[in-house]
Amino acid sequence: MADYSAEIDEKGRFHQYWKKYATEGGYSLVHGTFTWDTKNNKYKASGQFVLQ
């Protein structure tokens, strides 16, 4: 996988996109969303291929 892009939306969520390379060639774009958890003081991740 390689980084493709990252952005912050108007609600403060961090969006990160990766290239998921296929063994037969080419890639698919996958997406992860990170939101700040004020109760635990850390980011909470969701989305496909996000390391937990």
PDB file of N, CA and C in Angstrom:
ATOM      1  N   MET A   1       0.830  -1.177   0.000  1.00  0.00           N
ATOM      2  CA  MET A   1       0.000   0.000   0.000  1.00  0.00           C
ATOM      3  C   MET A   1       0.880   1.248   0.000  1.00  0.00           C
ATOM      4  N   ALA A   2       0.364   2.288  -0.563  1.00  0.00           N
ATOM      5  CA  ALA A   2       1.072   3.563  -0.574  1.00  0.00           C
ATOM      6  C   ALA A   2       0.056   4.676  -0.344  1.00  0.00           C
ATOM      7  N   ASP A   3       0.492   5.741   0.308  1.00  0.00           N
ATOM      8  CA  ASP A   3      -0.398   6.883   0.513  1.00  0.00           C
ATOM      9  C   ASP A   3      -0.796   7.466  -0.828  1.00  0.00           C
ATOM     10  N   TYR A   4      -2.019   7.906  -0.898  1.00  0.00           N
ATOM     11  CA  TYR A   4      -2.513   8.550  -2.105  1.00  0.00           C
ATOM     12  C   TYR A   4      -2.811  10.013  -1.811  1.00  0.00           C
ATOM     13  N   SER A   5      -3.623  10.252  -0.778  1.00  0.00           N
ATOM     14  CA  SER A   5      -3.904  11.625  -0.366  1.00  0.00           C
ATOM     15  C   SER A   5      -4.485  11.631   1.038  1.00  0.00           C
ATOM     16  N   ALA A   6      -4.517  12.812   1.628  1.00  0.00           N
ATOM     17  CA  ALA A   6      -5.108  13.002   2.950  1.00  0.00           C
ATOM     18  C   ALA A   6      -5.774  14.380   2.957  1.00  0.00           C
ATOM     19  N   GLU A   7      -6.867  14.487   3.708  1.00  0.00           N
ATOM     20  CA  GLU A   7      -7.573  15.760   3.795  1.00  0.00           C
ATOM     21  C   GLU A   7      -8.362  15.830   5.095  1.00  0.00           C
ATOM     22  N   ILE A   8      -8.686  17.032   5.515  1.00  0.00           N
ATOM     23  CA  ILE A   8      -9.525  17.257   6.691  1.00  0.00           C
ATOM     24  C   ILE A   8     -10.799  17.931   6.207  1.00  0.00           C
ATOM     25  N   ASP A   9     -11.945  17.381   6.600  1.00  0.00           N
ATOM     26  CA  ASP A   9     -13.213  17.956   6.150  1.00  0.00           C
ATOM     27  C   ASP A   9     -13.686  19.057   7.101  1.00  0.00           C
ATOM     28  N   GLU A  10     -14.843  19.653   6.795  1.00  0.00           N
ATOM     29  CA  GLU A  10     -15.354  20.782   7.568  1.00  0.00           C
ATOM     30  C   GLU A  10     -15.772  20.403   8.992  1.00  0.00           C
ATOM     31  N   LYS A  11     -15.953  19.098   9.269  1.00  0.00           N
ATOM     32  CA  LYS A  11     -16.305  18.638  10.614  1.00  0.00           C
ATOM     33  C   LYS A  11     -15.072  18.209  11.412  1.00  0.00           C
ATOM     34  N   GLY A  12     -13.884  18.402  10.840  1.00  0.00           N
ATOM     35  CA  GLY A  12     -12.654  18.070  11.547  1.00  0.00           C
ATOM     36  C   GLY A  12     -12.228  16.621  11.428  1.00  0.00           C
ATOM     37  N   ARG A  13     -12.893  15.852  10.579  1.00  0.00           N
ATOM     38  CA  ARG A  13     -12.501  14.450  10.375  1.00  0.00           C
ATOM     39  C   ARG A  13     -11.335  14.383   9.401  1.00  0.00           C
ATOM     40  N   PHE A  14     -10.421  13.481   9.691  1.00  0.00           N
ATOM     41  CA  PHE A  14      -9.237  13.288   8.856  1.00  0.00           C
ATOM     42  C   PHE A  14      -9.510  12.102   7.938  1.00  0.00           C
ATOM     43  N   HIS A  15      -9.384  12.305   6.631  1.00  0.00           N
ATOM     44  CA  HIS A  15      -9.615  11.253   5.640  1.00  0.00           C
ATOM     45  C   HIS A  15      -8.278  10.927   4.977  1.00  0.00           C
ATOM     46  N   GLN A  16      -7.960   9.640   4.930  1.00  0.00           N
ATOM     47  CA  GLN A  16      -6.723   9.221   4.283  1.00  0.00           C
ATOM     48  C   GLN A  16      -7.063   8.162   3.238  1.00  0.00           C
ATOM     49  N   TYR A  17      -6.410   8.267   2.098  1.00  0.00           N
ATOM     50  CA  TYR A  17      -6.641   7.359   0.981  1.00  0.00           C
ATOM     51  C   TYR A  17      -5.346   6.632   0.646  1.00  0.00           C
ATOM     52  N   TRP A  18      -5.472   5.341   0.326  1.00  0.00           N
ATOM     53  CA  TRP A  18      -4.313   4.527  -0.025  1.00  0.00           C
ATOM     54  C   TRP A  18      -4.548   3.847  -1.360  1.00  0.00           C
ATOM     55  N   LYS A  19      -3.449   3.460  -1.976  1.00  0.00           N
ATOM     56  CA  LYS A  19      -3.503   2.592  -3.152  1.00  0.00           C
ATOM     57  C   LYS A  19      -3.284   1.170  -2.656  1.00  0.00           C
ATOM     58  N   LYS A  20      -4.270   0.292  -2.871  1.00  0.00           N
ATOM     59  CA  LYS A  20      -4.118  -1.120  -2.528  1.00  0.00           C
ATOM     60  C   LYS A  20      -3.787  -1.842  -3.830  1.00  0.00           C
ATOM     61  N   TYR A  21      -2.540  -2.254  -3.928  1.00  0.00           N
ATOM     62  CA  TYR A  21      -2.070  -2.863  -5.167  1.00  0.00           C
ATOM     63  C   TYR A  21      -2.558  -4.305  -5.293  1.00  0.00           C
ATOM     64  N   ALA A  22      -2.964  -4.679  -6.480  1.00  0.00           N
ATOM     65  CA  ALA A  22      -3.415  -6.039  -6.783  1.00  0.00           C
ATOM     66  C   ALA A  22      -2.235  -6.854  -7.315  1.00  0.00           C
ATOM     67  N   THR A  23      -2.225  -8.141  -7.030  1.00  0.00           N
ATOM     68  CA  THR A  23      -1.130  -8.998  -7.485  1.00  0.00           C
ATOM     69  C   THR A  23      -1.087  -9.092  -9.009  1.00  0.00           C
ATOM     70  N   GLU A  24      -2.224  -8.956  -9.679  1.00  0.00           N
ATOM     71  CA  GLU A  24      -2.258  -9.041 -11.133  1.00  0.00           C
ATOM     72  C   GLU A  24      -1.980  -7.704 -11.808  1.00  0.00           C
ATOM     73  N   GLY A  25      -1.708  -6.681 -11.003  1.00  0.00           N
ATOM     74  CA  GLY A  25      -1.414  -5.358 -11.543  1.00  0.00           C
ATOM     75  C   GLY A  25      -2.524  -4.378 -11.244  1.00  0.00           C
ATOM     76  N   GLY A  26      -2.203  -3.124 -11.255  1.00  0.00           N
ATOM     77  CA  GLY A  26      -3.185  -2.084 -10.969  1.00  0.00           C
ATOM     78  C   GLY A  26      -3.409  -1.924  -9.473  1.00  0.00           C
ATOM     79  N   TYR A  27      -4.353  -1.069  -9.107  1.00  0.00           N
ATOM     80  CA  TYR A  27      -4.658  -0.854  -7.702  1.00  0.00           C
ATOM     81  C   TYR A  27      -6.092  -0.384  -7.538  1.00  0.00           C
ATOM     82  N   SER A  28      -6.578  -0.510  -6.300  1.00  0.00           N
ATOM     83  CA  SER A  28      -7.873   0.025  -5.902  1.00  0.00           C
ATOM     84  C   SER A  28      -7.613   1.116  -4.876  1.00  0.00           C
ATOM     85  N   LEU A  29      -8.450   2.122  -4.850  1.00  0.00           N
ATOM     86  CA  LEU A  29      -8.327   3.191  -3.880  1.00  0.00           C
ATOM     87  C   LEU A  29      -9.155   2.816  -2.646  1.00  0.00           C
ATOM     88  N   VAL A  30      -8.524   2.804  -1.468  1.00  0.00           N
ATOM     89  CA  VAL A  30      -9.234   2.502  -0.219  1.00  0.00           C
ATOM     90  C   VAL A  30      -9.184   3.730   0.677  1.00  0.00           C
ATOM     91  N   HIS A  31     -10.098   3.785   1.643  1.00  0.00           N
ATOM     92  CA  HIS A  31     -10.331   5.006   2.411  1.00  0.00           C
ATOM     93  C   HIS A  31     -10.415   4.689   3.899  1.00  0.00           C
ATOM     94  N   GLY A  32      -9.825   5.543   4.711  1.00  0.00           N
ATOM     95  CA  GLY A  32      -9.945   5.453   6.159  1.00  0.00           C
ATOM     96  C   GLY A  32     -10.326   6.817   6.715  1.00  0.00           C
ATOM     97  N   THR A  33     -11.144   6.820   7.774  1.00  0.00           N
ATOM     98  CA  THR A  33     -11.572   8.057   8.410  1.00  0.00           C
ATOM     99  C   THR A  33     -11.130   8.035   9.869  1.00  0.00           C
ATOM    100  N   PHE A  34     -10.578   9.145  10.322  1.00  0.00           N
ATOM    101  CA  PHE A  34     -10.103   9.264  11.691  1.00  0.00           C
ATOM    102  C   PHE A  34     -10.819  10.437  12.350  1.00  0.00           C
ATOM    103  N   THR A  35     -11.442  10.192  13.509  1.00  0.00           N
ATOM    104  CA  THR A  35     -12.114  11.242  14.267  1.00  0.00           C
ATOM    105  C   THR A  35     -11.508  11.308  15.658  1.00  0.00           C
ATOM    106  N   TRP A  36     -11.478  12.499  16.240  1.00  0.00           N
ATOM    107  CA  TRP A  36     -10.897  12.703  17.553  1.00  0.00           C
ATOM    108  C   TRP A  36     -11.911  12.305  18.621  1.00  0.00           C
ATOM    109  N   ASP A  37     -11.503  11.440  19.547  1.00  0.00           N
ATOM    110  CA  ASP A  37     -12.332  10.997  20.665  1.00  0.00           C
ATOM    111  C   ASP A  37     -11.909  11.811  21.895  1.00  0.00           C
ATOM    112  N   THR A  38     -12.719  12.797  22.279  1.00  0.00           N
ATOM    113  CA  THR A  38     -12.358  13.674  23.391  1.00  0.00           C
ATOM    114  C   THR A  38     -12.357  12.944  24.728  1.00  0.00           C
ATOM    115  N   LYS A  39     -13.153  11.899  24.863  1.00  0.00           N
ATOM    116  CA  LYS A  39     -13.206  11.147  26.119  1.00  0.00           C
ATOM    117  C   LYS A  39     -11.889  10.402  26.363  1.00  0.00           C
ATOM    118  N   ASN A  40     -11.315   9.795  25.324  1.00  0.00           N
ATOM    119  CA  ASN A  40     -10.089   9.018  25.451  1.00  0.00           C
ATOM    120  C   ASN A  40      -8.837   9.761  24.974  1.00  0.00           C
ATOM    121  N   ASN A  41      -9.013  10.970  24.455  1.00  0.00           N
ATOM    122  CA  ASN A  41      -7.908  11.790  23.938  1.00  0.00           C
ATOM    123  C   ASN A  41      -7.047  11.053  22.912  1.00  0.00           C
ATOM    124  N   LYS A  42      -7.712  10.449  21.943  1.00  0.00           N
ATOM    125  CA  LYS A  42      -6.999   9.805  20.845  1.00  0.00           C
ATOM    126  C   LYS A  42      -7.917   9.708  19.633  1.00  0.00           C
ATOM    127  N   TYR A  43      -7.314   9.420  18.485  1.00  0.00           N
ATOM    128  CA  TYR A  43      -8.092   9.262  17.264  1.00  0.00           C
ATOM    129  C   TYR A  43      -8.769   7.907  17.224  1.00  0.00           C
ATOM    130  N   LYS A  44      -9.969   7.892  16.684  1.00  0.00           N
ATOM    131  CA  LYS A  44     -10.722   6.661  16.473  1.00  0.00           C
ATOM    132  C   LYS A  44     -10.777   6.444  14.966  1.00  0.00           C
ATOM    133  N   ALA A  45     -10.308   5.290  14.530  1.00  0.00           N
ATOM    134  CA  ALA A  45     -10.218   4.996  13.096  1.00  0.00           C
ATOM    135  C   ALA A  45     -11.369   4.114  12.644  1.00  0.00           C
ATOM    136  N   SER A  46     -11.795   4.337  11.411  1.00  0.00           N
ATOM    137  CA  SER A  46     -12.789   3.460  10.794  1.00  0.00           C
ATOM    138  C   SER A  46     -12.490   3.404   9.300  1.00  0.00           C
ATOM    139  N   GLY A  47     -12.976   2.360   8.687  1.00  0.00           N
ATOM    140  CA  GLY A  47     -12.794   2.233   7.256  1.00  0.00           C
ATOM    141  C   GLY A  47     -12.020   0.961   6.900  1.00  0.00           C
ATOM    142  N   GLN A  48     -12.002   0.690   5.635  1.00  0.00           N
ATOM    143  CA  GLN A  48     -11.338  -0.504   5.122  1.00  0.00           C
ATOM    144  C   GLN A  48      -9.819  -0.353   5.184  1.00  0.00           C
ATOM    145  N   PHE A  49      -9.134  -1.384   5.647  1.00  0.00           N
ATOM    146  CA  PHE A  49      -7.673  -1.452   5.688  1.00  0.00           C
ATOM    147  C   PHE A  49      -7.036  -0.483   6.678  1.00  0.00           C
ATOM    148  N   VAL A  50      -7.791  -0.012   7.668  1.00  0.00           N
ATOM    149  CA  VAL A  50      -7.227   0.837   8.710  1.00  0.00           C
ATOM    150  C   VAL A  50      -6.704  -0.078   9.809  1.00  0.00           C
ATOM    151  N   LEU A  51      -5.442   0.086  10.198  1.00  0.00           N
ATOM    152  CA  LEU A  51      -4.875  -0.711  11.278  1.00  0.00           C
ATOM    153  C   LEU A  51      -5.502  -0.287  12.592  1.00  0.00           C
ATOM    154  N   GLN A  52      -5.985  -1.241  13.349  1.00  0.00           N
ATOM    155  CA  GLN A  52      -6.637  -0.946  14.634  1.00  0.00           C
ATOM    156  C   GLN A  52      -5.691  -1.088  15.788  1.00  0.00           C
TER     157      GLN A  52
END
